[in-house]
Amino acid sequence: AQLVESGGGLVQSGDSLRLACTASGRTFNNYAMAWFRQAPGKEREFVA
C-alpha cells in the first residue's frame, strides 16, 4: 500500500484546513484508516 498526503501549509490561528490522503495498492474500504501527528520533540499521537 502507498499513501500520499496533501493539504498542509502555513496558516493563522483560527483558520481551517482540509488534509487529504489518497491510498493505492490495497482495497481501501476494507481497512480502518487514521490520522496521526507529530510535533517537534514529541511522540506521534493519534488524532482521528
All heavy atoms as atom14 arrays in JSON, in Angstrom:
{
  "sequence": "AQLVESGGGLVQSGDSLRLACTASGRTFNNYAMAWFRQAPGKEREFVA",
  "atom14_mask": [
    [1, 1, 1, 1, 1, 0, 0, 0, 0, 0, 0, 0, 0, 0],
    [1, 1, 1, 1, 1, 1, 1, 1, 1, 0, 0, 0, 0, 0],
    [1, 1, 1, 1, 1, 1, 1, 1, 0, 0, 0, 0, 0, 0],
    [1, 1, 1, 1, 1, 1, 1, 0, 0, 0, 0, 0, 0, 0],
    [1, 1, 1, 1, 1, 1, 1, 1, 1, 0, 0, 0, 0, 0],
    [1, 1, 1, 1, 1, 1, 0, 0, 0, 0, 0, 0, 0, 0],
    [1, 1, 1, 1, 0, 0, 0, 0, 0, 0, 0, 0, 0, 0],
    [1, 1, 1, 1, 0, 0, 0, 0, 0, 0, 0, 0, 0, 0],
    [1, 1, 1, 1, 0, 0, 0, 0, 0, 0, 0, 0, 0, 0],
    [1, 1, 1, 1, 1, 1, 1, 1, 0, 0, 0, 0, 0, 0],
    [1, 1, 1, 1, 1, 1, 1, 0, 0, 0, 0, 0, 0, 0],
    [1, 1, 1, 1, 1, 1, 1, 1, 1, 0, 0, 0, 0, 0],
    [1, 1, 1, 1, 1, 1, 0, 0, 0, 0, 0, 0, 0, 0],
    [1, 1, 1, 1, 0, 0, 0, 0, 0, 0, 0, 0, 0, 0],
    [1, 1, 1, 1, 1, 1, 1, 1, 0, 0, 0, 0, 0, 0],
    [1, 1, 1, 1, 1, 1, 0, 0, 0, 0, 0, 0, 0, 0],
    [1, 1, 1, 1, 1, 1, 1, 1, 0, 0, 0, 0, 0, 0],
    [1, 1, 1, 1, 1, 1, 1, 1, 1, 1, 1, 0, 0, 0],
    [1, 1, 1, 1, 1, 1, 1, 1, 0, 0, 0, 0, 0, 0],
    [1, 1, 1, 1, 1, 0, 0, 0, 0, 0, 0, 0, 0, 0],
    [1, 1, 1, 1, 1, 1, 0, 0, 0, 0, 0, 0, 0, 0],
    [1, 1, 1, 1, 1, 1, 1, 0, 0, 0, 0, 0, 0, 0],
    [1, 1, 1, 1, 1, 0, 0, 0, 0, 0, 0, 0, 0, 0],
    [1, 1, 1, 1, 1, 1, 0, 0, 0, 0, 0, 0, 0, 0],
    [1, 1, 1, 1, 0, 0, 0, 0, 0, 0, 0, 0, 0, 0],
    [1, 1, 1, 1, 1, 1, 1, 1, 1, 1, 1, 0, 0, 0],
    [1, 1, 1, 1, 1, 1, 1, 0, 0, 0, 0, 0, 0, 0],
    [1, 1, 1, 1, 1, 1, 1, 1, 1, 1, 1, 0, 0, 0],
    [1, 1, 1, 1, 1, 1, 1, 1, 0, 0, 0, 0, 0, 0],
    [1, 1, 1, 1, 1, 1, 1, 1, 0, 0, 0, 0, 0, 0],
    [1, 1, 1, 1, 1, 1, 1, 1, 1, 1, 1, 1, 0, 0],
    [1, 1, 1, 1, 1, 0, 0, 0, 0, 0, 0, 0, 0, 0],
    [1, 1, 1, 1, 1, 1, 1, 1, 0, 0, 0, 0, 0, 0],
    [1, 1, 1, 1, 1, 0, 0, 0, 0, 0, 0, 0, 0, 0],
    [1, 1, 1, 1, 1, 1, 1, 1, 1, 1, 1, 1, 1, 1],
    [1, 1, 1, 1, 1, 1, 1, 1, 1, 1, 1, 0, 0, 0],
    [1, 1, 1, 1, 1, 1, 1, 1, 1, 1, 1, 0, 0, 0],
    [1, 1, 1, 1, 1, 1, 1, 1, 1, 0, 0, 0, 0, 0],
    [1, 1, 1, 1, 1, 0, 0, 0, 0, 0, 0, 0, 0, 0],
    [1, 1, 1, 1, 1, 1, 1, 0, 0, 0, 0, 0, 0, 0],
    [1, 1, 1, 1, 0, 0, 0, 0, 0, 0, 0, 0, 0, 0],
    [1, 1, 1, 1, 1, 1, 1, 1, 1, 0, 0, 0, 0, 0],
    [1, 1, 1, 1, 1, 1, 1, 1, 1, 0, 0, 0, 0, 0],
    [1, 1, 1, 1, 1, 1, 1, 1, 1, 1, 1, 0, 0, 0],
    [1, 1, 1, 1, 1, 1, 1, 1, 1, 0, 0, 0, 0, 0],
    [1, 1, 1, 1, 1, 1, 1, 1, 1, 1, 1, 0, 0, 0],
    [1, 1, 1, 1, 1, 1, 1, 0, 0, 0, 0, 0, 0, 0],
    [1, 1, 1, 1, 1, 0, 0, 0, 0, 0, 0, 0, 0, 0]
  ],
  "atom14_positions": [
    [[0.83, -1.2, 0.0], [0.0, 0.0, 0.0], [0.87, 1.25, 0.0], [1.94, 1.28, 0.61], [-0.89, -0.01, 1.23], [0.0, 0.0, 0.0], [0.0, 0.0, 0.0], [0.0, 0.0, 0.0], [0.0, 0.0, 0.0], [0.0, 0.0, 0.0], [0.0, 0.0, 0.0], [0.0, 0.0, 0.0], [0.0, 0.0, 0.0], [0.0, 0.0, 0.0]],
    [[0.4, 2.26, -0.69], [1.08, 3.55, -0.7], [0.07, 4.63, -0.37], [-1.06, 4.62, -0.89], [1.71, 3.82, -2.06], [2.88, 2.89, -2.38], [3.6, 3.28, -3.66], [3.0, 3.87, -4.54], [4.87, 2.95, -3.76], [0.0, 0.0, 0.0], [0.0, 0.0, 0.0], [0.0, 0.0, 0.0], [0.0, 0.0, 0.0], [0.0, 0.0, 0.0]],
    [[0.48, 5.57, 0.47], [-0.38, 6.67, 0.88], [0.31, 7.99, 0.58], [1.52, 8.12, 0.84], [-0.68, 6.58, 2.38], [-1.26, 5.26, 2.9], [-1.45, 5.33, 4.41], [-2.58, 4.96, 2.22], [0.0, 0.0, 0.0], [0.0, 0.0, 0.0], [0.0, 0.0, 0.0], [0.0, 0.0, 0.0], [0.0, 0.0, 0.0], [0.0, 0.0, 0.0]],
    [[-0.44, 8.94, 0.08], [0.12, 10.25, -0.24], [-0.78, 11.32, 0.37], [-1.98, 11.4, 0.03], [0.24, 10.47, -1.75], [0.78, 11.86, -2.05], [1.13, 9.4, -2.38], [0.0, 0.0, 0.0], [0.0, 0.0, 0.0], [0.0, 0.0, 0.0], [0.0, 0.0, 0.0], [0.0, 0.0, 0.0], [0.0, 0.0, 0.0], [0.0, 0.0, 0.0]],
    [[-0.21, 12.13, 1.27], [-0.97, 13.21, 1.9], [-0.78, 14.51, 1.14], [0.25, 14.71, 0.48], [-0.53, 13.44, 3.35], [-0.69, 12.25, 4.28], [0.61, 11.59, 4.57], [1.54, 11.73, 3.74], [0.73, 10.93, 5.61], [0.0, 0.0, 0.0], [0.0, 0.0, 0.0], [0.0, 0.0, 0.0], [0.0, 0.0, 0.0], [0.0, 0.0, 0.0]],
    [[-1.74, 15.4, 1.31], [-1.63, 16.74, 0.75], [-2.51, 17.67, 1.58], [-3.32, 17.21, 2.39], [-2.07, 16.76, -0.71], [-3.43, 16.37, -0.82], [0.0, 0.0, 0.0], [0.0, 0.0, 0.0], [0.0, 0.0, 0.0], [0.0, 0.0, 0.0], [0.0, 0.0, 0.0], [0.0, 0.0, 0.0], [0.0, 0.0, 0.0], [0.0, 0.0, 0.0]],
    [[-2.31, 18.97, 1.39], [-3.2, 19.95, 2.0], [-2.61, 20.72, 3.16], [-3.26, 21.63, 3.68], [0.0, 0.0, 0.0], [0.0, 0.0, 0.0], [0.0, 0.0, 0.0], [0.0, 0.0, 0.0], [0.0, 0.0, 0.0], [0.0, 0.0, 0.0], [0.0, 0.0, 0.0], [0.0, 0.0, 0.0], [0.0, 0.0, 0.0], [0.0, 0.0, 0.0]],
    [[-1.41, 20.38, 3.59], [-0.81, 21.13, 4.68], [-0.34, 22.5, 4.23], [-0.43, 22.85, 3.05], [0.0, 0.0, 0.0], [0.0, 0.0, 0.0], [0.0, 0.0, 0.0], [0.0, 0.0, 0.0], [0.0, 0.0, 0.0], [0.0, 0.0, 0.0], [0.0, 0.0, 0.0], [0.0, 0.0, 0.0], [0.0, 0.0, 0.0], [0.0, 0.0, 0.0]],
    [[0.14, 23.28, 5.2], [0.65, 24.6, 4.85], [0.79, 25.47, 6.07], [0.63, 25.02, 7.21], [0.0, 0.0, 0.0], [0.0, 0.0, 0.0], [0.0, 0.0, 0.0], [0.0, 0.0, 0.0], [0.0, 0.0, 0.0], [0.0, 0.0, 0.0], [0.0, 0.0, 0.0], [0.0, 0.0, 0.0], [0.0, 0.0, 0.0], [0.0, 0.0, 0.0]],
    [[1.07, 26.74, 5.82], [1.2, 27.74, 6.88], [-0.1, 28.52, 6.96], [-0.54, 29.11, 5.96], [2.36, 28.68, 6.56], [2.55, 29.89, 7.49], [2.84, 29.42, 8.9], [3.65, 30.79, 6.96], [0.0, 0.0, 0.0], [0.0, 0.0, 0.0], [0.0, 0.0, 0.0], [0.0, 0.0, 0.0], [0.0, 0.0, 0.0], [0.0, 0.0, 0.0]],
    [[-0.72, 28.5, 8.12], [-1.99, 29.18, 8.31], [-1.93, 29.99, 9.59], [-1.0, 29.85, 10.39], [-3.17, 28.19, 8.38], [-3.32, 27.43, 7.06], [-2.99, 27.22, 9.54], [0.0, 0.0, 0.0], [0.0, 0.0, 0.0], [0.0, 0.0, 0.0], [0.0, 0.0, 0.0], [0.0, 0.0, 0.0], [0.0, 0.0, 0.0], [0.0, 0.0, 0.0]],
    [[-2.95, 30.8, 9.79], [-3.03, 31.6, 11.01], [-3.97, 30.95, 12.01], [-4.85, 30.17, 11.65], [-3.51, 33.02, 10.68], [-2.51, 33.81, 9.84], [-2.93, 35.26, 9.67], [-4.1, 35.6, 9.81], [-1.97, 36.12, 9.38], [0.0, 0.0, 0.0], [0.0, 0.0, 0.0], [0.0, 0.0, 0.0], [0.0, 0.0, 0.0], [0.0, 0.0, 0.0]],
    [[-3.77, 31.29, 13.25], [-4.63, 30.79, 14.3], [-6.09, 31.13, 13.98], [-6.4, 32.25, 13.59], [-4.22, 31.42, 15.64], [-4.99, 30.91, 16.69], [0.0, 0.0, 0.0], [0.0, 0.0, 0.0], [0.0, 0.0, 0.0], [0.0, 0.0, 0.0], [0.0, 0.0, 0.0], [0.0, 0.0, 0.0], [0.0, 0.0, 0.0], [0.0, 0.0, 0.0]],
    [[-6.96, 30.12, 14.13], [-8.37, 30.31, 13.83], [-8.78, 29.87, 12.44], [-9.97, 29.7, 12.15], [0.0, 0.0, 0.0], [0.0, 0.0, 0.0], [0.0, 0.0, 0.0], [0.0, 0.0, 0.0], [0.0, 0.0, 0.0], [0.0, 0.0, 0.0], [0.0, 0.0, 0.0], [0.0, 0.0, 0.0], [0.0, 0.0, 0.0], [0.0, 0.0, 0.0]],
    [[-7.81, 29.66, 11.56], [-8.11, 29.21, 10.2], [-8.52, 27.75, 10.19], [-8.43, 27.04, 11.2], [-6.88, 29.39, 9.3], [-6.65, 30.83, 8.91], [-7.52, 31.68, 9.18], [-5.58, 31.12, 8.33], [0.0, 0.0, 0.0], [0.0, 0.0, 0.0], [0.0, 0.0, 0.0], [0.0, 0.0, 0.0], [0.0, 0.0, 0.0], [0.0, 0.0, 0.0]],
    [[-8.96, 27.3, 9.0], [-9.3, 25.9, 8.79], [-8.45, 25.32, 7.67], [-7.99, 26.06, 6.79], [-10.79, 25.76, 8.44], [-11.61, 26.2, 9.49], [0.0, 0.0, 0.0], [0.0, 0.0, 0.0], [0.0, 0.0, 0.0], [0.0, 0.0, 0.0], [0.0, 0.0, 0.0], [0.0, 0.0, 0.0], [0.0, 0.0, 0.0], [0.0, 0.0, 0.0]],
    [[-8.26, 24.02, 7.72], [-7.52, 23.3, 6.68], [-8.21, 21.97, 6.43], [-8.82, 21.4, 7.34], [-6.09, 23.01, 7.13], [-4.95, 23.95, 6.83], [-3.65, 23.34, 7.35], [-4.84, 24.24, 5.35], [0.0, 0.0, 0.0], [0.0, 0.0, 0.0], [0.0, 0.0, 0.0], [0.0, 0.0, 0.0], [0.0, 0.0, 0.0], [0.0, 0.0, 0.0]],
    [[-8.07, 21.48, 5.2], [-8.5, 20.12, 4.91], [-7.32, 19.35, 4.34], [-6.78, 19.71, 3.29], [-9.68, 20.06, 3.94], [-10.25, 18.64, 3.83], [-11.47, 18.55, 2.94], [-11.13, 18.56, 1.54], [-11.94, 18.1, 0.58], [-13.11, 17.59, 0.9], [-11.58, 18.16, -0.68], [0.0, 0.0, 0.0], [0.0, 0.0, 0.0], [0.0, 0.0, 0.0]],
    [[-6.94, 18.32, 5.06], [-5.88, 17.44, 4.6], [-6.5, 16.27, 3.85], [-7.6, 15.82, 4.18], [-5.06, 16.92, 5.77], [-4.52, 17.97, 6.75], [-3.71, 17.29, 7.85], [-3.7, 19.02, 6.04], [0.0, 0.0, 0.0], [0.0, 0.0, 0.0], [0.0, 0.0, 0.0], [0.0, 0.0, 0.0], [0.0, 0.0, 0.0], [0.0, 0.0, 0.0]],
    [[-5.79, 15.78, 2.86], [-6.26, 14.64, 2.08], [-5.18, 13.56, 2.04], [-3.98, 13.86, 2.08], [-6.63, 15.06, 0.66], [0.0, 0.0, 0.0], [0.0, 0.0, 0.0], [0.0, 0.0, 0.0], [0.0, 0.0, 0.0], [0.0, 0.0, 0.0], [0.0, 0.0, 0.0], [0.0, 0.0, 0.0], [0.0, 0.0, 0.0], [0.0, 0.0, 0.0]],
    [[-5.63, 12.33, 1.97], [-4.71, 11.19, 1.88], [-5.29, 10.2, 0.88], [-6.38, 9.68, 1.1], [-4.54, 10.55, 3.26], [-3.65, 8.99, 3.25], [0.0, 0.0, 0.0], [0.0, 0.0, 0.0], [0.0, 0.0, 0.0], [0.0, 0.0, 0.0], [0.0, 0.0, 0.0], [0.0, 0.0, 0.0], [0.0, 0.0, 0.0], [0.0, 0.0, 0.0]],
    [[-4.56, 9.96, -0.17], [-5.01, 9.04, -1.21], [-4.19, 7.76, -1.14], [-2.95, 7.81, -1.08], [-4.88, 9.67, -2.6], [-5.68, 10.86, -2.63], [-5.37, 8.73, -3.68], [0.0, 0.0, 0.0], [0.0, 0.0, 0.0], [0.0, 0.0, 0.0], [0.0, 0.0, 0.0], [0.0, 0.0, 0.0], [0.0, 0.0, 0.0], [0.0, 0.0, 0.0]],
    [[-4.89, 6.63, -1.14], [-4.25, 5.34, -0.98], [-4.28, 4.55, -2.29], [-5.19, 4.69, -3.1], [-4.94, 4.54, 0.11], [0.0, 0.0, 0.0], [0.0, 0.0, 0.0], [0.0, 0.0, 0.0], [0.0, 0.0, 0.0], [0.0, 0.0, 0.0], [0.0, 0.0, 0.0], [0.0, 0.0, 0.0], [0.0, 0.0, 0.0], [0.0, 0.0, 0.0]],
    [[-3.3, 3.69, -2.46], [-3.26, 2.77, -3.59], [-2.6, 1.49, -3.14], [-1.91, 1.45, -2.11], [-2.49, 3.38, -4.77], [-1.15, 3.65, -4.4], [0.0, 0.0, 0.0], [0.0, 0.0, 0.0], [0.0, 0.0, 0.0], [0.0, 0.0, 0.0], [0.0, 0.0, 0.0], [0.0, 0.0, 0.0], [0.0, 0.0, 0.0], [0.0, 0.0, 0.0]],
    [[-2.84, 0.42, -3.9], [-2.18, -0.85, -3.62], [-2.88, -1.76, -2.63], [-2.39, -2.84, -2.33], [0.0, 0.0, 0.0], [0.0, 0.0, 0.0], [0.0, 0.0, 0.0], [0.0, 0.0, 0.0], [0.0, 0.0, 0.0], [0.0, 0.0, 0.0], [0.0, 0.0, 0.0], [0.0, 0.0, 0.0], [0.0, 0.0, 0.0], [0.0, 0.0, 0.0]],
    [[-4.03, -1.33, -2.12], [-4.79, -2.16, -1.19], [-6.25, -1.8, -1.34], [-6.58, -0.66, -1.64], [-4.31, -1.92, 0.25], [-4.72, -2.99, 1.24], [-4.2, -2.69, 2.64], [-2.77, -2.86, 2.75], [-2.09, -2.66, 3.89], [-2.74, -2.29, 4.98], [-0.79, -2.82, 3.93], [0.0, 0.0, 0.0], [0.0, 0.0, 0.0], [0.0, 0.0, 0.0]],
    [[-7.15, -2.77, -1.09], [-8.59, -2.49, -1.19], [-8.96, -1.55, -0.06], [-9.16, -1.96, 1.08], [-9.41, -3.79, -1.12], [-8.93, -4.69, -2.11], [-10.87, -3.48, -1.39], [0.0, 0.0, 0.0], [0.0, 0.0, 0.0], [0.0, 0.0, 0.0], [0.0, 0.0, 0.0], [0.0, 0.0, 0.0], [0.0, 0.0, 0.0], [0.0, 0.0, 0.0]],
    [[-9.05, -0.31, -0.4], [-9.13, 0.78, 0.56], [-10.25, 0.61, 1.57], [-10.05, 0.76, 2.78], [-9.32, 2.07, -0.25], [-9.48, 3.31, 0.54], [-8.38, 3.92, 1.11], [-10.73, 3.89, 0.7], [-8.5, 5.09, 1.82], [-10.87, 5.06, 1.41], [-9.76, 5.66, 1.98], [0.0, 0.0, 0.0], [0.0, 0.0, 0.0], [0.0, 0.0, 0.0]],
    [[-11.45, 0.29, 1.12], [-12.6, 0.32, 2.02], [-12.7, -0.91, 2.92], [-13.67, -1.05, 3.66], [-13.89, 0.55, 1.25], [-14.09, -0.45, 0.13], [-13.14, -1.03, -0.35], [-15.31, -0.64, -0.28], [0.0, 0.0, 0.0], [0.0, 0.0, 0.0], [0.0, 0.0, 0.0], [0.0, 0.0, 0.0], [0.0, 0.0, 0.0], [0.0, 0.0, 0.0]],
    [[-11.73, -1.79, 2.89], [-11.71, -2.94, 3.79], [-10.89, -2.68, 5.05], [-10.79, -3.57, 5.91], [-11.14, -4.17, 3.09], [-12.0, -4.62, 1.93], [-13.18, -4.26, 1.84], [-11.43, -5.4, 1.04], [0.0, 0.0, 0.0], [0.0, 0.0, 0.0], [0.0, 0.0, 0.0], [0.0, 0.0, 0.0], [0.0, 0.0, 0.0], [0.0, 0.0, 0.0]],
    [[-10.31, -1.49, 5.15], [-9.37, -1.21, 6.22], [-9.77, 0.05, 6.98], [-10.27, 1.01, 6.38], [-7.96, -1.0, 5.67], [-7.35, -2.24, 5.07], [-7.67, -2.63, 3.78], [-6.45, -3.0, 5.79], [-7.11, -3.77, 3.22], [-5.88, -4.14, 5.24], [-6.22, -4.51, 3.96], [-5.65, -5.64, 3.42], [0.0, 0.0, 0.0], [0.0, 0.0, 0.0]],
    [[-9.52, 0.04, 8.29], [-9.61, 1.28, 9.05], [-8.47, 2.2, 8.65], [-7.4, 1.75, 8.26], [-9.53, 0.99, 10.54], [0.0, 0.0, 0.0], [0.0, 0.0, 0.0], [0.0, 0.0, 0.0], [0.0, 0.0, 0.0], [0.0, 0.0, 0.0], [0.0, 0.0, 0.0], [0.0, 0.0, 0.0], [0.0, 0.0, 0.0], [0.0, 0.0, 0.0]],
    [[-8.74, 3.49, 8.75], [-7.69, 4.47, 8.47], [-7.64, 5.47, 9.61], [-8.63, 5.67, 10.32], [-7.96, 5.19, 7.16], [-7.84, 4.3, 5.94], [-7.58, 5.22, 4.43], [-5.91, 5.82, 4.65], [0.0, 0.0, 0.0], [0.0, 0.0, 0.0], [0.0, 0.0, 0.0], [0.0, 0.0, 0.0], [0.0, 0.0, 0.0], [0.0, 0.0, 0.0]],
    [[-6.51, 6.1, 9.77], [-6.34, 7.04, 10.87], [-5.39, 8.15, 10.47], [-4.58, 8.02, 9.54], [-5.79, 6.31, 12.1], [0.0, 0.0, 0.0], [0.0, 0.0, 0.0], [0.0, 0.0, 0.0], [0.0, 0.0, 0.0], [0.0, 0.0, 0.0], [0.0, 0.0, 0.0], [0.0, 0.0, 0.0], [0.0, 0.0, 0.0], [0.0, 0.0, 0.0]],
    [[-5.52, 9.25, 11.19], [-4.58, 10.36, 11.11], [-3.83, 10.45, 12.43], [-4.44, 10.37, 13.5], [-5.3, 11.68, 10.85], [-5.82, 11.83, 9.46], [-7.05, 11.52, 9.0], [-5.11, 12.38, 8.34], [-7.16, 11.82, 7.66], [-5.98, 12.35, 7.22], [-3.82, 12.88, 8.17], [-5.6, 12.81, 5.96], [-3.45, 13.34, 6.91], [-4.32, 13.3, 5.82]],
    [[-2.53, 10.63, 12.33], [-1.66, 10.87, 13.47], [-0.92, 12.18, 13.21], [-0.89, 12.68, 12.08], [-0.63, 9.74, 13.63], [-1.21, 8.41, 14.02], [-1.85, 7.61, 13.09], [-1.12, 7.96, 15.32], [-2.39, 6.38, 13.44], [-1.65, 6.73, 15.69], [-2.28, 5.94, 14.75], [0.0, 0.0, 0.0], [0.0, 0.0, 0.0], [0.0, 0.0, 0.0]],
    [[-0.32, 12.71, 14.26], [0.53, 13.88, 14.06], [1.72, 13.79, 15.0], [1.67, 13.13, 16.04], [-0.25, 15.18, 14.31], [-0.65, 15.42, 15.75], [-1.47, 16.69, 15.85], [-1.83, 16.98, 17.25], [-2.61, 17.98, 17.61], [-3.13, 18.79, 16.7], [-2.88, 18.18, 18.88], [0.0, 0.0, 0.0], [0.0, 0.0, 0.0], [0.0, 0.0, 0.0]],
    [[2.77, 14.48, 14.61], [3.99, 14.51, 15.42], [4.58, 15.9, 15.4], [4.96, 16.41, 14.33], [5.0, 13.48, 14.91], [6.2, 13.31, 15.82], [7.0, 12.07, 15.5], [6.89, 11.49, 14.43], [7.8, 11.63, 16.46], [0.0, 0.0, 0.0], [0.0, 0.0, 0.0], [0.0, 0.0, 0.0], [0.0, 0.0, 0.0], [0.0, 0.0, 0.0]],
    [[4.63, 16.5, 16.57], [5.24, 17.82, 16.73], [6.71, 17.64, 17.07], [7.11, 16.59, 17.58], [4.52, 18.59, 17.82], [0.0, 0.0, 0.0], [0.0, 0.0, 0.0], [0.0, 0.0, 0.0], [0.0, 0.0, 0.0], [0.0, 0.0, 0.0], [0.0, 0.0, 0.0], [0.0, 0.0, 0.0], [0.0, 0.0, 0.0], [0.0, 0.0, 0.0]],
    [[7.53, 18.65, 16.83], [8.95, 18.55, 17.14], [9.19, 18.19, 18.59], [8.62, 18.81, 19.5], [9.48, 19.95, 16.82], [8.54, 20.49, 15.81], [7.2, 19.94, 16.19], [0.0, 0.0, 0.0], [0.0, 0.0, 0.0], [0.0, 0.0, 0.0], [0.0, 0.0, 0.0], [0.0, 0.0, 0.0], [0.0, 0.0, 0.0], [0.0, 0.0, 0.0]],
    [[10.01, 17.17, 18.83], [10.35, 16.77, 20.18], [9.29, 15.98, 20.9], [9.45, 15.67, 22.09], [0.0, 0.0, 0.0], [0.0, 0.0, 0.0], [0.0, 0.0, 0.0], [0.0, 0.0, 0.0], [0.0, 0.0, 0.0], [0.0, 0.0, 0.0], [0.0, 0.0, 0.0], [0.0, 0.0, 0.0], [0.0, 0.0, 0.0], [0.0, 0.0, 0.0]],
    [[8.21, 15.64, 20.2], [7.12, 14.9, 20.84], [6.87, 13.59, 20.12], [7.28, 13.4, 18.97], [5.83, 15.74, 20.85], [5.94, 16.98, 21.7], [4.59, 17.68, 21.81], [4.65, 18.88, 22.72], [3.33, 19.55, 22.86], [0.0, 0.0, 0.0], [0.0, 0.0, 0.0], [0.0, 0.0, 0.0], [0.0, 0.0, 0.0], [0.0, 0.0, 0.0]],
    [[6.19, 12.69, 20.81], [5.85, 11.41, 20.2], [4.68, 11.57, 19.23], [3.87, 12.5, 19.34], [5.49, 10.39, 21.28], [6.66, 10.01, 22.17], [6.32, 8.86, 23.1], [5.16, 8.41, 23.09], [7.22, 8.43, 23.83], [0.0, 0.0, 0.0], [0.0, 0.0, 0.0], [0.0, 0.0, 0.0], [0.0, 0.0, 0.0], [0.0, 0.0, 0.0]],
    [[4.61, 10.63, 18.3], [3.49, 10.63, 17.37], [2.21, 10.31, 18.14], [2.18, 9.39, 18.95], [3.73, 9.59, 16.26], [2.77, 9.66, 15.11], [3.24, 8.82, 13.95], [4.52, 9.28, 13.43], [5.05, 8.84, 12.3], [4.42, 7.91, 11.58], [6.22, 9.3, 11.88], [0.0, 0.0, 0.0], [0.0, 0.0, 0.0], [0.0, 0.0, 0.0]],
    [[1.15, 11.07, 17.86], [-0.09, 10.86, 18.59], [-1.25, 10.69, 17.63], [-1.3, 11.28, 16.55], [-0.38, 12.05, 19.54], [-0.65, 13.36, 18.87], [-1.1, 14.44, 19.84], [-1.36, 14.14, 21.02], [-1.22, 15.6, 19.4], [0.0, 0.0, 0.0], [0.0, 0.0, 0.0], [0.0, 0.0, 0.0], [0.0, 0.0, 0.0], [0.0, 0.0, 0.0]],
    [[-2.2, 9.87, 18.05], [-3.43, 9.64, 17.3], [-4.28, 10.9, 17.34], [-4.42, 11.55, 18.38], [-4.18, 8.46, 17.9], [-5.55, 8.25, 17.34], [-5.73, 7.53, 16.18], [-6.66, 8.79, 17.96], [-6.99, 7.33, 15.65], [-7.92, 8.6, 17.45], [-8.09, 7.87, 16.29], [0.0, 0.0, 0.0], [0.0, 0.0, 0.0], [0.0, 0.0, 0.0]],
    [[-4.89, 11.22, 16.21], [-5.75, 12.41, 16.12], [-7.19, 12.01, 15.81], [-8.12, 12.43, 16.49], [-5.23, 13.38, 15.05], [-6.21, 14.52, 14.83], [-3.86, 13.92, 15.43], [0.0, 0.0, 0.0], [0.0, 0.0, 0.0], [0.0, 0.0, 0.0], [0.0, 0.0, 0.0], [0.0, 0.0, 0.0], [0.0, 0.0, 0.0], [0.0, 0.0, 0.0]],
    [[-7.37, 11.22, 14.77], [-8.72, 10.84, 14.34], [-8.64, 9.56, 13.53], [-7.62, 9.27, 12.91], [-9.35, 11.95, 13.51], [0.0, 0.0, 0.0], [0.0, 0.0, 0.0], [0.0, 0.0, 0.0], [0.0, 0.0, 0.0], [0.0, 0.0, 0.0], [0.0, 0.0, 0.0], [0.0, 0.0, 0.0], [0.0, 0.0, 0.0], [0.0, 0.0, 0.0]]
  ]
}
